[in-house]
Amino acid sequence: MQSYPDELTYDLVGAASEVLELEPAAILEAFGEYWILYTAEEGYGEMLALSGSTLAEFLGNLNLLHERITNIMPQLKPPKFSTKEISENQVELTYESDRDGLTSMVVGLLRGLGKRFGKNCEINQTEFRADSGKDVLMFLGKKINFIIE
């Protein structure tokens, strides 16, 4: 229940990548999926349940979930999400973060959420540059199209 420097995450992913001979993105995706399913079983299930009874509702409430967590962990710097319903089976999720290099983990988190809600999901990413006038970090402003089959 405390935060730690992102460098520690990058170091752990780098070491796992070497040992397992897998790309760092694959490790982050696998960890993200595992983390959602693990936390739902190990004490955070109630908090997750409060964020929505459907996958689309949950995605729309991600910022509120992070706000609740920030009350417990004030030093947390959560990402921002916004959703746009494309069709009954497709949601466009925009992920923005000042923290570099964690987009693959978000993809894994989304896969885990799909499993949590019993949905077969396909995730497509398209990169865009925000019109903020400031430099965009490597993984800032990723649009992740989350397609629910």
C-alpha atoms as a PDB file:
ATOM      1  CA  MET A   1       0.000   0.000   0.000  1.00  0.00           C
ATOM      2  CA  GLN A   2       2.750   2.424  -0.932  1.00  0.00           C
ATOM      3  CA  SER A   3       4.127   3.780  -4.143  1.00  0.00           C
ATOM      4  CA  TYR A   4       7.630   3.179  -5.424  1.00  0.00           C
ATOM      5  CA  PRO A   5       9.730   4.736  -8.166  1.00  0.00           C
ATOM      6  CA  ASP A   6       8.952   3.759 -11.754  1.00  0.00           C
ATOM      7  CA  GLU A   7      12.653   2.992 -12.164  1.00  0.00           C
ATOM      8  CA  LEU A   8      12.139  -0.019  -9.896  1.00  0.00           C
ATOM      9  CA  THR A   9       9.407  -1.294 -12.223  1.00  0.00           C
ATOM     10  CA  TYR A  10      11.607  -0.745 -15.270  1.00  0.00           C
ATOM     11  CA  ASP A  11      14.528  -2.543 -13.587  1.00  0.00           C
ATOM     12  CA  LEU A  12      12.343  -5.514 -12.638  1.00  0.00           C
ATOM     13  CA  VAL A  13      10.859  -5.711 -16.133  1.00  0.00           C
ATOM     14  CA  GLY A  14      14.345  -5.482 -17.644  1.00  0.00           C
ATOM     15  CA  ALA A  15      15.642  -8.303 -15.453  1.00  0.00           C
ATOM     16  CA  ALA A  16      12.596 -10.485 -16.173  1.00  0.00           C
ATOM     17  CA  SER A  17      13.001  -9.761 -19.882  1.00  0.00           C
ATOM     18  CA  GLU A  18      16.582 -11.032 -19.809  1.00  0.00           C
ATOM     19  CA  VAL A  19      15.829 -14.128 -17.755  1.00  0.00           C
ATOM     20  CA  LEU A  20      12.655 -15.095 -19.635  1.00  0.00           C
ATOM     21  CA  GLU A  21      13.946 -13.935 -23.031  1.00  0.00           C
ATOM     22  CA  LEU A  22      10.736 -11.994 -23.637  1.00  0.00           C
ATOM     23  CA  GLU A  23      10.217  -8.433 -24.807  1.00  0.00           C
ATOM     24  CA  PRO A  24       9.523  -5.941 -21.985  1.00  0.00           C
ATOM     25  CA  ALA A  25       6.134  -5.133 -23.558  1.00  0.00           C
ATOM     26  CA  ALA A  26       5.084  -8.796 -23.261  1.00  0.00           C
ATOM     27  CA  ILE A  27       6.086  -8.853 -19.592  1.00  0.00           C
ATOM     28  CA  LEU A  28       4.186  -5.633 -18.833  1.00  0.00           C
ATOM     29  CA  GLU A  29       1.079  -6.953 -20.626  1.00  0.00           C
ATOM     30  CA  ALA A  30       1.195 -10.255 -18.747  1.00  0.00           C
ATOM     31  CA  PHE A  31       1.697  -8.432 -15.444  1.00  0.00           C
ATOM     32  CA  GLY A  32      -1.211  -6.055 -16.116  1.00  0.00           C
ATOM     33  CA  GLU A  33      -3.584  -8.928 -16.848  1.00  0.00           C
ATOM     34  CA  TYR A  34      -2.409 -10.890 -13.817  1.00  0.00           C
ATOM     35  CA  TRP A  35      -2.605  -7.835 -11.557  1.00  0.00           C
ATOM     36  CA  ILE A  36      -6.287  -7.155 -12.310  1.00  0.00           C
ATOM     37  CA  LEU A  37      -7.304 -10.758 -11.737  1.00  0.00           C
ATOM     38  CA  TYR A  38      -5.124 -11.073  -8.610  1.00  0.00           C
ATOM     39  CA  THR A  39      -6.301  -7.854  -6.963  1.00  0.00           C
ATOM     40  CA  ALA A  40      -9.936  -8.753  -7.599  1.00  0.00           C
ATOM     41  CA  GLU A  41      -9.383 -11.923  -5.559  1.00  0.00           C
ATOM     42  CA  GLU A  42      -7.051 -10.512  -2.907  1.00  0.00           C
ATOM     43  CA  GLY A  43      -8.956  -7.745  -1.210  1.00  0.00           C
ATOM     44  CA  TYR A  44      -9.760  -5.175  -3.902  1.00  0.00           C
ATOM     45  CA  GLY A  45     -12.760  -6.957  -5.409  1.00  0.00           C
ATOM     46  CA  GLU A  46     -15.242  -4.786  -3.542  1.00  0.00           C
ATOM     47  CA  MET A  47     -13.561  -1.579  -4.658  1.00  0.00           C
ATOM     48  CA  LEU A  48     -13.489  -2.854  -8.234  1.00  0.00           C
ATOM     49  CA  ALA A  49     -17.148  -3.896  -8.018  1.00  0.00           C
ATOM     50  CA  LEU A  50     -18.113  -0.358  -6.955  1.00  0.00           C
ATOM     51  CA  SER A  51     -16.655   0.967 -10.203  1.00  0.00           C
ATOM     52  CA  GLY A  52     -19.183  -0.676 -12.476  1.00  0.00           C
ATOM     53  CA  SER A  53     -21.267  -3.735 -13.155  1.00  0.00           C
ATOM     54  CA  THR A  54     -20.398  -3.866 -16.849  1.00  0.00           C
ATOM     55  CA  LEU A  55     -17.099  -3.493 -18.637  1.00  0.00           C
ATOM     56  CA  ALA A  56     -18.156  -0.268 -20.381  1.00  0.00           C
ATOM     57  CA  GLU A  57     -19.399   1.223 -17.098  1.00  0.00           C
ATOM     58  CA  PHE A  58     -16.168   0.232 -15.340  1.00  0.00           C
ATOM     59  CA  LEU A  59     -14.038   1.855 -18.058  1.00  0.00           C
ATOM     60  CA  GLY A  60     -16.098   5.037 -17.745  1.00  0.00           C
ATOM     61  CA  ASN A  61     -15.407   5.118 -14.002  1.00  0.00           C
ATOM     62  CA  LEU A  62     -11.635   4.543 -14.050  1.00  0.00           C
ATOM     63  CA  ASN A  63     -10.858   8.122 -12.982  1.00  0.00           C
ATOM     64  CA  LEU A  64     -13.227   7.800  -9.998  1.00  0.00           C
ATOM     65  CA  LEU A  65     -11.554   4.531  -9.012  1.00  0.00           C
ATOM     66  CA  HIS A  66      -8.153   6.192  -9.144  1.00  0.00           C
ATOM     67  CA  GLU A  67      -9.503   9.123  -7.115  1.00  0.00           C
ATOM     68  CA  ARG A  68     -10.553   6.696  -4.362  1.00  0.00           C
ATOM     69  CA  ILE A  69      -7.126   5.050  -4.420  1.00  0.00           C
ATOM     70  CA  THR A  70      -5.447   8.475  -4.253  1.00  0.00           C
ATOM     71  CA  ASN A  71      -7.305   9.074  -0.981  1.00  0.00           C
ATOM     72  CA  ILE A  72      -5.480   6.037   0.413  1.00  0.00           C
ATOM     73  CA  MET A  73      -2.182   6.733  -1.369  1.00  0.00           C
ATOM     74  CA  PRO A  74      -1.889  10.533  -1.789  1.00  0.00           C
ATOM     75  CA  GLN A  75       1.520  10.316  -3.527  1.00  0.00           C
ATOM     76  CA  LEU A  76       0.003   8.257  -6.386  1.00  0.00           C
ATOM     77  CA  LYS A  77       0.103   9.901  -9.830  1.00  0.00           C
ATOM     78  CA  PRO A  78      -2.669   8.047 -11.661  1.00  0.00           C
ATOM     79  CA  PRO A  79      -3.251   8.247 -15.392  1.00  0.00           C
ATOM     80  CA  LYS A  80      -6.327   9.904 -16.869  1.00  0.00           C
ATOM     81  CA  PHE A  81      -8.852   8.026 -18.953  1.00  0.00           C
ATOM     82  CA  SER A  82     -11.757   9.069 -21.102  1.00  0.00           C
ATOM     83  CA  THR A  83     -14.172   6.872 -22.990  1.00  0.00           C
ATOM     84  CA  LYS A  84     -16.289   7.279 -26.058  1.00  0.00           C
ATOM     85  CA  GLU A  85     -18.834   4.679 -27.084  1.00  0.00           C
ATOM     86  CA  ILE A  86     -18.295   3.880 -30.756  1.00  0.00           C
ATOM     87  CA  SER A  87     -20.992   1.208 -30.976  1.00  0.00           C
ATOM     88  CA  GLU A  88     -22.729  -1.243 -28.681  1.00  0.00           C
ATOM     89  CA  ASN A  89     -19.641  -3.460 -28.821  1.00  0.00           C
ATOM     90  CA  GLN A  90     -16.837  -0.933 -29.124  1.00  0.00           C
ATOM     91  CA  VAL A  91     -15.456   1.636 -26.701  1.00  0.00           C
ATOM     92  CA  GLU A  92     -12.616   4.005 -27.464  1.00  0.00           C
ATOM     93  CA  LEU A  93     -10.532   4.489 -24.349  1.00  0.00           C
ATOM     94  CA  THR A  94      -8.018   7.316 -24.245  1.00  0.00           C
ATOM     95  CA  TYR A  95      -5.148   6.805 -21.830  1.00  0.00           C
ATOM     96  CA  GLU A  96      -2.918   9.715 -20.821  1.00  0.00           C
ATOM     97  CA  SER A  97      -0.085   9.580 -18.341  1.00  0.00           C
ATOM     98  CA  ASP A  98       3.006  11.539 -17.389  1.00  0.00           C
ATOM     99  CA  ARG A  99       4.620   8.198 -16.549  1.00  0.00           C
ATOM    100  CA  ASP A 100       6.602   6.855 -19.464  1.00  0.00           C
ATOM    101  CA  GLY A 101       6.617   3.282 -20.720  1.00  0.00           C
ATOM    102  CA  LEU A 102       3.537   1.731 -19.118  1.00  0.00           C
ATOM    103  CA  THR A 103       1.151   1.516 -22.081  1.00  0.00           C
ATOM    104  CA  SER A 104       1.749  -2.221 -22.493  1.00  0.00           C
ATOM    105  CA  MET A 105       0.706  -2.716 -18.889  1.00  0.00           C
ATOM    106  CA  VAL A 106      -2.543  -0.855 -19.615  1.00  0.00           C
ATOM    107  CA  VAL A 107      -3.215  -3.258 -22.492  1.00  0.00           C
ATOM    108  CA  GLY A 108      -2.744  -6.150 -20.056  1.00  0.00           C
ATOM    109  CA  LEU A 109      -4.989  -4.486 -17.476  1.00  0.00           C
ATOM    110  CA  LEU A 110      -7.691  -4.161 -20.135  1.00  0.00           C
ATOM    111  CA  ARG A 111      -7.340  -7.833 -21.077  1.00  0.00           C
ATOM    112  CA  GLY A 112      -7.704  -8.755 -17.403  1.00  0.00           C
ATOM    113  CA  LEU A 113     -10.797  -6.571 -17.111  1.00  0.00           C
ATOM    114  CA  GLY A 114     -12.268  -8.333 -20.132  1.00  0.00           C
ATOM    115  CA  LYS A 115     -11.771 -11.670 -18.381  1.00  0.00           C
ATOM    116  CA  ARG A 116     -13.161 -10.263 -15.137  1.00  0.00           C
ATOM    117  CA  PHE A 117     -16.350  -9.277 -16.952  1.00  0.00           C
ATOM    118  CA  GLY A 118     -16.508 -12.487 -19.011  1.00  0.00           C
ATOM    119  CA  LYS A 119     -15.888 -10.764 -22.346  1.00  0.00           C
ATOM    120  CA  ASN A 120     -13.712 -11.786 -25.254  1.00  0.00           C
ATOM    121  CA  CYS A 121     -11.874  -8.597 -26.043  1.00  0.00           C
ATOM    122  CA  GLU A 122      -9.726  -7.340 -28.858  1.00  0.00           C
ATOM    123  CA  ILE A 123      -7.575  -4.308 -28.150  1.00  0.00           C
ATOM    124  CA  ASN A 124      -6.258  -2.072 -30.916  1.00  0.00           C
ATOM    125  CA  GLN A 125      -3.975   0.903 -30.243  1.00  0.00           C
ATOM    126  CA  THR A 126      -3.573   4.023 -32.328  1.00  0.00           C
ATOM    127  CA  GLU A 127      -1.132   6.747 -31.337  1.00  0.00           C
ATOM    128  CA  PHE A 128      -1.983  10.418 -31.502  1.00  0.00           C
ATOM    129  CA  ARG A 129      -0.369  13.641 -30.378  1.00  0.00           C
ATOM    130  CA  ALA A 130      -2.394  15.824 -28.044  1.00  0.00           C
ATOM    131  CA  ASP A 131      -3.000  19.423 -29.073  1.00  0.00           C
ATOM    132  CA  SER A 132      -1.700  20.653 -25.732  1.00  0.00           C
ATOM    133  CA  GLY A 133       1.268  22.539 -27.163  1.00  0.00           C
ATOM    134  CA  LYS A 134       3.629  20.724 -24.814  1.00  0.00           C
ATOM    135  CA  ASP A 135       5.971  17.859 -25.510  1.00  0.00           C
ATOM    136  CA  VAL A 136       4.261  14.511 -25.544  1.00  0.00           C
ATOM    137  CA  LEU A 137       6.082  11.704 -23.805  1.00  0.00           C
ATOM    138  CA  MET A 138       6.637   8.509 -25.719  1.00  0.00           C
ATOM    139  CA  PHE A 139       3.515   6.890 -24.316  1.00  0.00           C
ATOM    140  CA  LEU A 140       1.462   9.979 -23.508  1.00  0.00           C
ATOM    141  CA  GLY A 141      -1.694  10.310 -25.489  1.00  0.00           C
ATOM    142  CA  LYS A 142      -2.177   6.744 -26.572  1.00  0.00           C
ATOM    143  CA  LYS A 143      -5.637   5.944 -27.757  1.00  0.00           C
ATOM    144  CA  ILE A 144      -6.580   2.403 -27.016  1.00  0.00           C
ATOM    145  CA  ASN A 145      -9.615   1.160 -28.885  1.00  0.00           C
ATOM    146  CA  PHE A 146     -11.162  -1.533 -26.766  1.00  0.00           C
ATOM    147  CA  ILE A 147     -13.402  -3.768 -28.851  1.00  0.00           C
ATOM    148  CA  ILE A 148     -15.772  -6.039 -26.975  1.00  0.00           C
ATOM    149  CA  GLU A 149     -16.968  -9.022 -28.993  1.00  0.00           C
END
